[in-house]
Amino acid sequence: MNQGAVVEVAMFELKEGIAPKAFLAAAEEATGWLRNRPGFLARELLADNGGKWIDLVRWASLDDAHSAADEFMSATETRALLDAIDPATLRMLHPRSVVRYD
């Protein structure tokens, strides 16, 4: 069921000892993989000074987001990224747009 464009939000912290620079290199490789998935629109990484990260990925549909998520966990190009994230801190959301103010 296609439900329109969605934003995928992943909130997490890096594992202890992982440098942000190393994480960003892993994110670059994973982004190359994401760009080749059906429905991929854009990706943005945000970070605060306390070590919390937000990964925003825009998809054409929720179906596209779920399909990519199924493959993401086992793709070779995403392994370094997944290995850098502390899984105990990971939270995923697929919120729907309620209203947009430009």
N, C-alpha and C. Protein backbone atom coordinates (compact mmCIF):
# COMPACT_ATOMS: atom_id res chain seq x y z
N MET A 1 0.84 -1.18 0.00
CA MET A 1 0.00 0.00 0.00
C MET A 1 0.88 1.24 0.00
N ASN A 2 0.79 2.05 -1.00
CA ASN A 2 1.58 3.28 -1.11
C ASN A 2 0.85 4.39 -0.38
N GLN A 3 1.54 5.03 0.58
CA GLN A 3 0.91 6.05 1.42
C GLN A 3 1.49 7.43 1.20
N GLY A 4 2.21 7.67 0.11
CA GLY A 4 2.79 8.98 -0.17
C GLY A 4 4.15 9.14 0.46
N ALA A 5 4.79 10.27 0.14
CA ALA A 5 6.16 10.54 0.59
C ALA A 5 6.24 10.54 2.12
N VAL A 6 7.35 9.99 2.62
CA VAL A 6 7.56 9.89 4.07
C VAL A 6 8.99 10.28 4.41
N VAL A 7 9.18 10.64 5.67
CA VAL A 7 10.50 10.89 6.21
C VAL A 7 10.80 9.77 7.20
N GLU A 8 11.93 9.15 7.01
CA GLU A 8 12.40 8.14 7.96
C GLU A 8 13.36 8.85 8.92
N VAL A 9 13.14 8.69 10.21
CA VAL A 9 13.96 9.34 11.23
C VAL A 9 14.61 8.26 12.09
N ALA A 10 15.94 8.27 12.11
CA ALA A 10 16.69 7.38 13.01
C ALA A 10 17.45 8.26 13.98
N MET A 11 17.24 8.02 15.27
CA MET A 11 17.96 8.76 16.32
C MET A 11 18.85 7.77 17.04
N PHE A 12 20.12 8.15 17.27
CA PHE A 12 21.06 7.20 17.85
C PHE A 12 22.30 7.92 18.37
N GLU A 13 23.14 7.15 19.06
CA GLU A 13 24.47 7.58 19.46
C GLU A 13 25.46 6.59 18.87
N LEU A 14 26.69 7.04 18.71
CA LEU A 14 27.74 6.16 18.20
C LEU A 14 28.27 5.30 19.33
N LYS A 15 28.81 4.14 18.96
CA LYS A 15 29.47 3.29 19.96
C LYS A 15 30.67 4.02 20.52
N GLU A 16 30.99 3.72 21.75
CA GLU A 16 32.16 4.32 22.38
C GLU A 16 33.41 4.02 21.54
N GLY A 17 34.21 5.05 21.32
CA GLY A 17 35.45 4.89 20.57
C GLY A 17 35.31 5.15 19.08
N ILE A 18 34.09 5.33 18.59
CA ILE A 18 33.89 5.62 17.16
C ILE A 18 33.99 7.13 16.94
N ALA A 19 34.93 7.53 16.12
CA ALA A 19 35.11 8.96 15.82
C ALA A 19 34.06 9.41 14.81
N PRO A 20 33.52 10.61 14.99
CA PRO A 20 32.55 11.12 14.03
C PRO A 20 33.05 11.07 12.58
N LYS A 21 34.32 11.35 12.37
CA LYS A 21 34.88 11.32 11.02
C LYS A 21 34.77 9.92 10.41
N ALA A 22 35.04 8.89 11.20
CA ALA A 22 34.92 7.51 10.73
C ALA A 22 33.46 7.17 10.44
N PHE A 23 32.58 7.63 11.30
CA PHE A 23 31.15 7.39 11.08
C PHE A 23 30.68 8.06 9.79
N LEU A 24 31.12 9.28 9.54
CA LEU A 24 30.71 9.99 8.33
C LEU A 24 31.22 9.30 7.07
N ALA A 25 32.40 8.70 7.14
CA ALA A 25 32.90 7.93 6.00
C ALA A 25 32.01 6.72 5.74
N ALA A 26 31.60 6.05 6.82
CA ALA A 26 30.69 4.91 6.69
C ALA A 26 29.33 5.36 6.16
N ALA A 27 28.87 6.53 6.60
CA ALA A 27 27.59 7.07 6.15
C ALA A 27 27.63 7.39 4.65
N GLU A 28 28.76 7.87 4.19
CA GLU A 28 28.92 8.17 2.76
C GLU A 28 28.76 6.91 1.92
N GLU A 29 29.37 5.82 2.36
CA GLU A 29 29.26 4.55 1.64
C GLU A 29 27.81 4.05 1.66
N ALA A 30 27.16 4.15 2.81
CA ALA A 30 25.77 3.71 2.92
C ALA A 30 24.85 4.57 2.06
N THR A 31 25.15 5.86 1.96
CA THR A 31 24.34 6.76 1.14
C THR A 31 24.42 6.36 -0.33
N GLY A 32 25.58 5.95 -0.78
CA GLY A 32 25.70 5.46 -2.16
C GLY A 32 24.76 4.28 -2.41
N TRP A 33 24.67 3.40 -1.42
CA TRP A 33 23.76 2.26 -1.53
C TRP A 33 22.30 2.74 -1.53
N LEU A 34 21.98 3.67 -0.62
CA LEU A 34 20.61 4.18 -0.53
C LEU A 34 20.16 4.85 -1.83
N ARG A 35 21.06 5.58 -2.45
CA ARG A 35 20.71 6.30 -3.70
C ARG A 35 20.22 5.36 -4.80
N ASN A 36 20.60 4.11 -4.72
CA ASN A 36 20.21 3.13 -5.72
C ASN A 36 18.94 2.35 -5.36
N ARG A 37 18.31 2.70 -4.25
CA ARG A 37 17.08 2.03 -3.84
C ARG A 37 15.89 2.76 -4.45
N PRO A 38 14.89 2.01 -4.88
CA PRO A 38 13.68 2.63 -5.42
C PRO A 38 13.04 3.56 -4.39
N GLY A 39 12.67 4.75 -4.83
CA GLY A 39 11.96 5.68 -3.97
C GLY A 39 12.83 6.59 -3.13
N PHE A 40 14.17 6.41 -3.17
CA PHE A 40 15.04 7.29 -2.39
C PHE A 40 14.97 8.71 -2.94
N LEU A 41 14.81 9.69 -2.03
CA LEU A 41 14.74 11.09 -2.45
C LEU A 41 15.91 11.91 -1.91
N ALA A 42 16.25 11.75 -0.63
CA ALA A 42 17.31 12.57 -0.03
C ALA A 42 17.68 12.00 1.34
N ARG A 43 18.85 12.43 1.82
CA ARG A 43 19.32 12.02 3.14
C ARG A 43 20.03 13.20 3.79
N GLU A 44 19.84 13.35 5.10
CA GLU A 44 20.52 14.40 5.85
C GLU A 44 20.89 13.85 7.22
N LEU A 45 22.13 14.13 7.65
CA LEU A 45 22.59 13.75 8.99
C LEU A 45 22.70 15.00 9.84
N LEU A 46 22.22 14.90 11.07
CA LEU A 46 22.30 16.00 12.02
C LEU A 46 22.94 15.47 13.30
N ALA A 47 23.65 16.34 14.03
CA ALA A 47 24.27 15.94 15.29
C ALA A 47 24.25 17.11 16.26
N ASP A 48 24.15 16.78 17.54
CA ASP A 48 24.27 17.83 18.54
C ASP A 48 25.64 17.71 19.21
N ASN A 49 25.95 18.61 20.11
CA ASN A 49 27.25 18.59 20.78
C ASN A 49 27.36 17.51 21.85
N GLY A 50 26.25 16.85 22.16
CA GLY A 50 26.25 15.81 23.19
C GLY A 50 26.39 14.40 22.67
N GLY A 51 26.62 14.24 21.36
CA GLY A 51 26.82 12.90 20.80
C GLY A 51 25.56 12.24 20.26
N LYS A 52 24.47 12.95 20.20
CA LYS A 52 23.25 12.39 19.64
C LYS A 52 23.17 12.74 18.15
N TRP A 53 22.76 11.76 17.36
CA TRP A 53 22.67 11.90 15.90
C TRP A 53 21.23 11.68 15.45
N ILE A 54 20.87 12.34 14.36
CA ILE A 54 19.60 12.11 13.69
C ILE A 54 19.90 11.91 12.21
N ASP A 55 19.38 10.82 11.68
CA ASP A 55 19.52 10.49 10.26
C ASP A 55 18.14 10.61 9.64
N LEU A 56 17.97 11.58 8.74
CA LEU A 56 16.70 11.80 8.05
C LEU A 56 16.82 11.30 6.61
N VAL A 57 15.95 10.40 6.25
CA VAL A 57 15.94 9.90 4.88
C VAL A 57 14.53 10.11 4.34
N ARG A 58 14.44 10.74 3.18
CA ARG A 58 13.15 10.99 2.54
C ARG A 58 12.92 9.93 1.47
N TRP A 59 11.74 9.35 1.52
CA TRP A 59 11.34 8.29 0.59
C TRP A 59 10.07 8.69 -0.13
N ALA A 60 9.90 8.17 -1.33
CA ALA A 60 8.69 8.45 -2.11
C ALA A 60 7.47 7.82 -1.46
N SER A 61 7.66 6.71 -0.74
CA SER A 61 6.52 6.05 -0.09
C SER A 61 7.00 5.26 1.12
N LEU A 62 6.07 4.93 1.97
CA LEU A 62 6.38 4.09 3.13
C LEU A 62 6.80 2.70 2.67
N ASP A 63 6.19 2.22 1.60
CA ASP A 63 6.58 0.92 1.05
C ASP A 63 8.06 0.93 0.64
N ASP A 64 8.50 2.01 -0.01
CA ASP A 64 9.91 2.12 -0.41
C ASP A 64 10.82 2.12 0.81
N ALA A 65 10.43 2.85 1.85
CA ALA A 65 11.22 2.91 3.08
C ALA A 65 11.35 1.53 3.72
N HIS A 66 10.24 0.82 3.82
CA HIS A 66 10.26 -0.51 4.43
C HIS A 66 11.06 -1.51 3.60
N SER A 67 10.92 -1.43 2.29
CA SER A 67 11.67 -2.33 1.41
C SER A 67 13.17 -2.12 1.57
N ALA A 68 13.60 -0.85 1.59
CA ALA A 68 15.03 -0.56 1.76
C ALA A 68 15.51 -1.00 3.14
N ALA A 69 14.69 -0.80 4.17
CA ALA A 69 15.08 -1.19 5.53
C ALA A 69 15.33 -2.69 5.61
N ASP A 70 14.51 -3.47 4.93
CA ASP A 70 14.70 -4.93 4.93
C ASP A 70 16.06 -5.32 4.36
N GLU A 71 16.49 -4.62 3.31
CA GLU A 71 17.76 -4.93 2.67
C GLU A 71 18.95 -4.28 3.38
N PHE A 72 18.71 -3.14 4.03
CA PHE A 72 19.76 -2.33 4.66
C PHE A 72 20.58 -3.15 5.66
N MET A 73 19.91 -3.97 6.44
CA MET A 73 20.57 -4.70 7.52
C MET A 73 21.58 -5.73 7.03
N SER A 74 21.45 -6.17 5.80
CA SER A 74 22.37 -7.20 5.30
C SER A 74 23.26 -6.74 4.15
N ALA A 75 23.13 -5.49 3.72
CA ALA A 75 23.94 -4.99 2.60
C ALA A 75 25.38 -4.77 3.04
N THR A 76 26.31 -5.15 2.20
CA THR A 76 27.74 -4.98 2.48
C THR A 76 28.08 -3.50 2.67
N GLU A 77 27.48 -2.63 1.87
CA GLU A 77 27.80 -1.20 1.90
C GLU A 77 27.31 -0.48 3.16
N THR A 78 26.45 -1.12 3.92
CA THR A 78 25.91 -0.50 5.14
C THR A 78 26.51 -1.07 6.42
N ARG A 79 27.33 -2.09 6.29
CA ARG A 79 27.87 -2.78 7.47
C ARG A 79 28.67 -1.85 8.38
N ALA A 80 29.57 -1.04 7.85
CA ALA A 80 30.39 -0.16 8.68
C ALA A 80 29.53 0.86 9.42
N LEU A 81 28.49 1.35 8.76
CA LEU A 81 27.58 2.29 9.41
C LEU A 81 26.88 1.62 10.58
N LEU A 82 26.32 0.45 10.35
CA LEU A 82 25.62 -0.27 11.41
C LEU A 82 26.55 -0.63 12.56
N ASP A 83 27.79 -0.98 12.24
CA ASP A 83 28.77 -1.33 13.27
C ASP A 83 29.17 -0.14 14.13
N ALA A 84 28.97 1.09 13.63
CA ALA A 84 29.36 2.29 14.36
C ALA A 84 28.27 2.77 15.33
N ILE A 85 27.03 2.31 15.14
CA ILE A 85 25.89 2.78 15.93
C ILE A 85 25.68 1.90 17.15
N ASP A 86 25.46 2.55 18.30
CA ASP A 86 25.12 1.83 19.52
C ASP A 86 23.66 1.38 19.41
N PRO A 87 23.42 0.08 19.24
CA PRO A 87 22.05 -0.38 18.99
C PRO A 87 21.10 -0.10 20.15
N ALA A 88 21.61 0.01 21.36
CA ALA A 88 20.75 0.28 22.52
C ALA A 88 20.15 1.69 22.46
N THR A 89 20.74 2.58 21.67
CA THR A 89 20.26 3.96 21.59
C THR A 89 19.43 4.24 20.35
N LEU A 90 19.33 3.27 19.46
CA LEU A 90 18.66 3.47 18.17
C LEU A 90 17.14 3.51 18.32
N ARG A 91 16.54 4.55 17.75
CA ARG A 91 15.08 4.70 17.68
C ARG A 91 14.72 5.07 16.25
N MET A 92 13.75 4.37 15.68
CA MET A 92 13.33 4.63 14.30
C MET A 92 11.87 5.08 14.28
N LEU A 93 11.61 6.06 13.43
CA LEU A 93 10.26 6.57 13.23
C LEU A 93 9.99 6.77 11.74
N HIS A 94 8.73 6.66 11.37
CA HIS A 94 8.26 7.02 10.04
C HIS A 94 7.06 7.93 10.23
N PRO A 95 7.30 9.17 10.71
CA PRO A 95 6.17 10.07 10.99
C PRO A 95 5.51 10.57 9.71
N ARG A 96 4.26 10.88 9.83
CA ARG A 96 3.52 11.45 8.69
C ARG A 96 3.46 12.96 8.85
N SER A 97 3.42 13.64 7.76
CA SER A 97 3.31 15.09 7.78
C SER A 97 1.90 15.48 8.19
N VAL A 98 1.80 16.37 9.15
CA VAL A 98 0.51 16.86 9.61
C VAL A 98 0.23 18.22 8.99
N VAL A 99 1.22 19.10 9.03
CA VAL A 99 1.11 20.42 8.42
C VAL A 99 2.51 20.91 8.14
N ARG A 100 2.68 21.68 7.09
CA ARG A 100 4.00 22.23 6.75
C ARG A 100 3.90 23.73 6.64
N TYR A 101 4.81 24.41 7.31
CA TYR A 101 4.87 25.87 7.28
C TYR A 101 6.13 26.28 6.53
N ASP A 102 6.01 26.98 5.43
CA ASP A 102 7.16 27.45 4.66
C ASP A 102 7.35 28.93 4.88
